[in-house]
Protein backbone atom coordinates (compact mmCIF):
# COMPACT_ATOMS: atom_id res chain seq x y z
CA MET A 1 208.89 231.16 303.56
CA SER A 2 206.59 230.04 306.39
CA GLN A 3 207.45 231.07 309.92
CA LEU A 4 207.30 227.83 311.91
CA LYS A 5 207.70 228.55 315.59
CA GLY A 6 210.05 226.24 317.46
CA PHE A 7 210.19 223.61 314.72
CA ASN A 8 213.35 222.05 316.16
CA SER A 9 211.48 221.12 319.32
CA MET A 10 208.13 220.30 317.70
CA PHE A 11 208.48 216.56 318.25
CA ARG A 12 210.19 216.78 321.64
CA LEU A 13 208.71 216.05 325.07
CA ASP A 14 211.27 217.87 327.18
CA GLY A 15 210.14 218.35 330.76
CA LYS A 16 206.92 216.36 330.36
CA VAL A 17 205.41 213.94 332.88
CA ALA A 18 203.66 210.86 331.50
CA LEU A 19 201.69 207.95 332.88
CA VAL A 20 201.40 204.76 330.83
CA THR A 21 199.05 202.05 332.06
CA GLY A 22 200.00 198.54 331.03
CA GLY A 23 203.48 199.97 330.64
CA SER A 24 205.56 197.03 331.78
CA ARG A 25 205.57 195.20 328.43
CA GLY A 26 204.52 195.33 324.79
CA LEU A 27 203.07 198.49 323.30
CA GLY A 28 203.03 200.27 326.66
CA LEU A 29 206.72 199.69 327.19
CA HIS A 30 207.45 200.87 323.64
CA ALA A 31 205.56 204.11 324.39
CA ALA A 32 207.30 204.64 327.73
CA THR A 33 210.70 204.12 326.10
CA ALA A 34 209.88 206.57 323.32
CA PHE A 35 208.72 209.25 325.76
CA LEU A 36 211.98 209.09 327.72
CA LEU A 37 214.07 209.18 324.54
CA ALA A 38 212.06 212.22 323.40
CA GLY A 39 213.00 214.10 326.57
CA ALA A 40 210.25 213.42 329.11
CA LYS A 41 211.52 214.09 332.62
CA LEU A 42 209.33 211.48 334.33
CA VAL A 43 207.53 208.44 332.94
CA ILE A 44 205.35 206.51 335.36
CA ILE A 45 204.37 203.01 334.30
CA SER A 46 201.55 201.09 335.87
CA ALA A 47 200.60 197.42 335.75
CA ARG A 48 199.01 194.97 338.15
CA LYS A 49 202.21 193.35 339.39
CA ASN A 50 205.65 194.55 340.40
CA ALA A 51 207.46 191.21 340.20
CA GLY A 52 207.97 188.73 337.39
CA GLU A 53 209.53 188.72 333.95
CA GLU A 54 206.84 191.08 332.64
CA GLY A 55 206.25 193.01 335.87
CA ILE A 56 206.86 196.65 336.64
CA ASP A 57 210.24 196.23 338.33
CA GLN A 58 212.06 194.73 335.35
CA ALA A 59 210.59 197.37 333.01
CA VAL A 60 211.62 200.27 335.25
CA GLU A 61 215.12 198.84 335.45
CA LYS A 62 215.36 198.70 331.65
CA LEU A 63 213.97 202.20 331.21
CA ASN A 64 216.40 203.70 333.68
CA LYS A 65 219.31 202.23 331.73
CA LEU A 66 218.50 204.25 328.58
CA GLY A 67 221.11 206.85 329.43
CA VAL A 68 218.77 209.84 329.27
CA SER A 69 218.11 212.62 331.75
CA GLY A 70 214.55 211.54 332.51
CA LYS A 71 213.63 208.73 334.86
CA ALA A 72 211.02 206.02 335.14
CA ILE A 73 209.12 204.85 338.20
CA GLY A 74 206.49 202.16 338.61
CA ILE A 75 203.24 202.04 340.54
CA ALA A 76 201.22 198.83 340.75
CA ALA A 77 197.48 199.30 340.21
CA ASN A 78 194.43 197.54 338.83
CA VAL A 79 192.92 200.14 336.50
CA ALA A 80 189.73 198.13 336.11
CA ASP A 81 188.97 199.06 339.72
CA THR A 82 187.80 202.63 340.33
CA ASP A 83 189.05 202.73 343.91
CA ASP A 84 192.48 201.58 342.78
CA ILE A 85 192.54 204.27 340.09
CA GLN A 86 191.83 206.83 342.80
CA ARG A 87 194.71 205.40 344.81
CA LEU A 88 196.91 205.61 341.69
CA VAL A 89 196.06 209.31 341.39
CA GLY A 90 197.24 209.82 344.96
CA GLU A 91 200.47 207.94 344.31
CA VAL A 92 201.20 209.98 341.18
CA LYS A 93 200.67 213.20 343.17
CA LYS A 94 203.54 212.15 345.43
CA HIS A 95 205.87 212.54 342.45
CA SER A 96 204.26 215.39 340.48
CA ASP A 97 201.39 217.82 340.99
CA THR A 98 200.69 217.87 337.24
CA LEU A 99 200.41 215.32 334.45
CA ASP A 100 201.06 216.09 330.78
CA ILE A 101 200.38 212.75 329.11
CA LEU A 102 198.03 209.93 330.07
CA VAL A 103 198.27 206.77 327.96
CA CYS A 104 195.40 204.36 328.60
CA ASN A 105 197.03 201.21 327.30
CA ALA A 106 196.11 198.44 329.76
CA GLY A 107 193.62 196.10 328.15
CA ALA A 108 192.01 192.67 328.30
CA THR A 109 190.87 190.33 325.57
CA TRP A 110 188.93 187.12 325.27
CA GLY A 111 188.21 184.82 322.36
CA GLY A 112 185.94 181.82 321.85
CA PRO A 113 182.73 180.55 320.30
CA PHE A 114 179.66 182.76 320.51
CA GLU A 115 176.98 180.89 322.46
CA PRO A 116 179.13 179.44 325.28
CA THR A 117 180.72 182.84 326.01
CA PRO A 118 180.91 183.15 329.82
CA ASP A 119 179.49 186.39 331.16
CA SER A 120 182.59 186.80 333.32
CA SER A 121 184.70 187.30 330.19
CA SER A 122 182.49 190.15 328.97
CA LYS A 123 182.64 191.83 332.37
CA LYS A 124 186.44 191.54 332.48
CA VAL A 125 186.84 193.03 329.00
CA LEU A 126 184.37 195.88 329.47
CA ASP A 127 185.55 196.77 332.98
CA LEU A 128 189.13 197.30 331.84
CA ASN A 129 188.77 198.44 328.22
CA VAL A 130 185.82 200.81 328.69
CA ARG A 131 185.00 201.63 332.31
CA GLY A 132 188.65 201.67 333.28
CA VAL A 133 189.57 204.08 330.49
CA PHE A 134 186.66 206.38 331.31
CA ASN A 135 187.58 206.49 335.00
CA LEU A 136 191.27 207.03 334.29
CA ALA A 137 190.39 210.06 332.16
CA ARG A 138 187.85 211.35 334.68
CA LEU A 139 190.01 211.00 337.77
CA PHE A 140 193.24 212.28 336.20
CA THR A 141 191.60 215.31 334.55
CA PRO A 142 192.49 217.72 337.41
CA LEU A 143 196.20 216.89 337.08
CA LEU A 144 196.05 217.08 333.28
CA GLU A 145 194.22 220.41 333.36
CA LYS A 146 196.92 221.97 335.54
CA SER A 147 199.60 221.57 332.87
CA GLY A 148 197.66 222.12 329.64
CA THR A 149 197.71 225.40 327.69
CA PRO A 150 195.96 226.48 324.47
CA GLN A 151 199.23 226.18 322.58
CA ASP A 152 200.38 222.93 324.22
CA PRO A 153 197.48 220.99 325.73
CA SER A 154 197.79 217.95 327.91
CA ARG A 155 197.12 214.65 326.17
CA ILE A 156 195.03 211.56 326.68
CA ILE A 157 195.97 208.76 324.30
CA ILE A 158 193.72 205.70 324.28
CA VAL A 159 195.27 202.53 322.89
CA SER A 160 192.49 200.73 321.07
CA SER A 161 192.70 198.26 318.18
CA THR A 162 191.71 197.99 314.55
CA ALA A 163 189.23 195.45 315.93
CA GLY A 164 187.21 198.52 316.96
CA ILE A 165 186.55 199.47 313.34
CA THR A 166 186.35 196.03 311.66
CA VAL A 167 184.75 192.64 312.30
CA PRO A 168 188.00 190.73 312.62
CA HIS A 169 187.21 187.37 314.19
CA VAL A 170 184.03 185.29 314.44
CA GLY A 171 183.38 181.59 314.84
CA ASP A 172 185.39 179.39 317.17
CA HIS A 173 187.86 182.18 317.92
CA GLY A 174 185.42 185.08 317.90
CA THR A 175 186.32 188.28 319.72
CA ILE A 176 182.96 190.02 319.63
CA MET A 177 182.98 191.69 323.05
CA TYR A 178 186.64 192.67 322.69
CA SER A 179 185.83 194.35 319.38
CA VAL A 180 182.81 196.06 320.92
CA SER A 181 184.96 197.35 323.78
CA LYS A 182 187.47 198.81 321.33
CA ALA A 183 184.72 200.45 319.28
CA ALA A 184 183.56 202.05 322.53
CA ALA A 185 187.11 203.28 323.15
CA HIS A 186 187.15 204.95 319.74
CA HIS A 187 183.90 206.79 320.43
CA MET A 188 184.98 207.64 323.97
CA SER A 189 187.93 209.59 322.57
CA ARG A 190 185.52 211.67 320.48
CA GLN A 191 183.34 212.34 323.50
CA LEU A 192 186.33 213.29 325.65
CA ALA A 193 187.73 215.47 322.87
CA VAL A 194 184.65 217.68 323.06
CA GLU A 195 184.29 217.48 326.85
CA LEU A 196 187.92 218.18 327.71
CA GLY A 197 189.17 220.18 324.72
CA PRO A 198 188.03 223.49 326.28
CA ARG A 199 190.06 222.55 329.37
CA ASN A 200 193.25 222.27 327.26
CA ILE A 201 193.25 218.47 327.14
CA THR A 202 193.16 216.61 323.83
CA THR A 203 192.09 212.99 323.43
CA ASN A 204 193.02 210.71 320.56
CA THR A 205 193.03 207.00 319.86
CA VAL A 206 195.78 204.77 318.49
CA ALA A 207 194.47 201.58 316.87
CA PRO A 208 197.25 199.02 316.34
CA GLY A 209 196.96 195.98 314.15
CA PHE A 210 199.11 192.93 314.82
CA PHE A 211 202.28 193.58 316.78
CA PRO A 212 204.03 190.43 318.00
CA SER A 213 203.33 190.37 321.74
CA LYS A 214 202.10 188.08 324.48
CA LEU A 215 198.56 189.41 324.03
CA ALA A 216 198.51 188.76 320.28
CA ARG A 217 200.68 185.65 320.08
CA GLY A 218 197.92 183.07 320.38
CA LEU A 219 195.76 184.65 317.69
CA ILE A 220 198.72 185.19 315.37
CA ASP A 221 199.46 181.46 315.57
CA ILE A 222 195.80 180.54 314.94
CA LEU A 223 195.74 182.75 311.85
CA GLY A 224 198.75 181.05 310.31
CA GLY A 225 201.73 182.65 312.01
CA GLU A 226 203.77 185.79 311.49
CA GLN A 227 204.89 184.97 307.95
CA GLU A 228 201.39 184.34 306.61
CA LEU A 229 200.04 187.51 308.23
CA SER A 230 203.01 189.49 306.91
CA ASP A 231 202.39 188.22 303.38
CA ALA A 232 198.74 189.33 303.62
CA ASN A 233 199.64 192.84 304.79
CA PRO A 234 200.08 195.62 302.20
CA ARG A 235 203.35 196.52 303.94
CA LYS A 236 204.44 192.86 303.97
CA ARG A 237 205.30 192.85 307.67
CA LEU A 238 203.78 193.08 311.12
CA GLY A 239 204.13 196.04 313.48
CA GLU A 240 207.48 196.89 315.03
CA PRO A 241 208.29 198.88 318.19
CA GLU A 242 209.31 201.95 316.20
CA ASP A 243 205.90 202.06 314.52
CA ILE A 244 204.03 202.54 317.78
CA ALA A 245 206.77 204.76 319.24
CA GLY A 246 206.55 207.21 316.35
CA VAL A 247 202.79 207.76 316.52
CA MET A 248 202.86 208.00 320.32
CA VAL A 249 205.55 210.70 320.32
CA TYR A 250 203.68 212.58 317.59
CA LEU A 251 200.38 212.62 319.49
CA ALA A 252 202.10 213.59 322.74
CA SER A 253 204.22 216.34 321.20
CA ARG A 254 203.51 219.93 320.20
CA ALA A 255 203.19 218.73 316.59
CA ALA A 256 199.75 217.32 317.46
CA SER A 257 198.48 220.21 319.59
CA TYR A 258 195.53 220.77 317.23
CA VAL A 259 194.69 217.08 316.72
CA ASN A 260 191.69 216.15 318.85
CA GLY A 261 189.20 213.30 318.70
CA GLU A 262 191.01 211.37 315.97
CA ASP A 263 191.89 207.71 315.70
CA ILE A 264 195.06 206.60 313.94
CA SER A 265 195.33 203.03 312.73
CA VAL A 266 198.81 201.53 312.84
CA ASP A 267 198.36 198.31 310.88
CA GLY A 268 200.06 198.73 307.51
CA GLY A 269 196.64 199.11 305.86
CA VAL A 270 195.57 195.50 306.35
CA ARG A 271 192.14 196.56 307.66
CA PHE A 272 191.24 197.42 304.06
CA ALA A 273 192.01 193.87 302.86
CA GLN A 274 188.44 192.67 303.38
CA GLY A 275 187.80 189.12 304.40
CA ARG A 276 191.34 188.11 305.31
CA GLN A 277 190.91 188.47 309.06
CA SER A 278 187.45 186.87 309.08
CA LYS A 279 188.44 183.62 307.41
CA LEU A 280 187.84 181.68 310.62
C-alpha cells in the first residue's frame, strides 16, 4: 500500500488567499466560487468597475452568500495598466501580507476582417492579455514568494484559450491577434515556470474552449449557436461552470504541487476536430 500524505486534504485550499482578475463574471467568477467552496479564507476579485450587473459589487455579494467560512472582497483595477497593477498590489497588502494563488483571468478579444484591422484593437488585446499578465506576475511575485514552500508552492494560473494552440477563426470574423496573444500566454507560463519555480511559485495555463459567456456569446451565435457547437464537440456539449472550477481547484491545490509550466485544455477535445472552427 502506498503512503499518501494528507490525501484527505489534497484538493483543499484551507487558509489560502487568492486573487482573481476578471473575477466579477464568467470563468473568473466560477474560479472564485470554487476557491471559497474549497476552503480559501480570502478571495479577492478584481475587475474594472464596481457597479453594474456584471461589476465587482454584485459578485462579492453573491460570493459572500455561499455560507462558507472564507470571505470575498473586491478591488477595482485596470490590469492592462502597470501603474494600476502596482496600486492593486498595495490594496491587496492592506488585507494580507502574502498571496497563495494569482489567477490572471482578465482578457480582451477582438474579431474582424484582416486588412481593415484597427491598430487600436491589437494594442488593447496585447496590453491586457500579454503585458498585463506579465506585469501581474512580476509585481505580485514578492507576495507569492512569501507563502510558497517546496512542498506547497504558491500558484500563478493564466487563463488562456484553445485559440492559443489552434487557428480557430479567419476571414470576416478573424481573431488573429487574439489568438497570437493567447499563444504568448501559453509560452509565458513556461518561461515563468522556470524563472519562478526555484522561488516556490508554479505557473500553469488553463485553455478553455467555448463556455457560454458574454465574451463568447457573439462568436457562438456566428458559428451556428450552442446546439450546433455542442453537436460538433466530442463531448456533445459546451463547457459548464463545474468544468472550469474543477481544473482551477486542482491547479491551486496540493495535488498539483509538482505541476509546473503545463497548459490544460478544457474544451471537450474539440480542438482535435480539424477544420470545424475555421469554416468561416
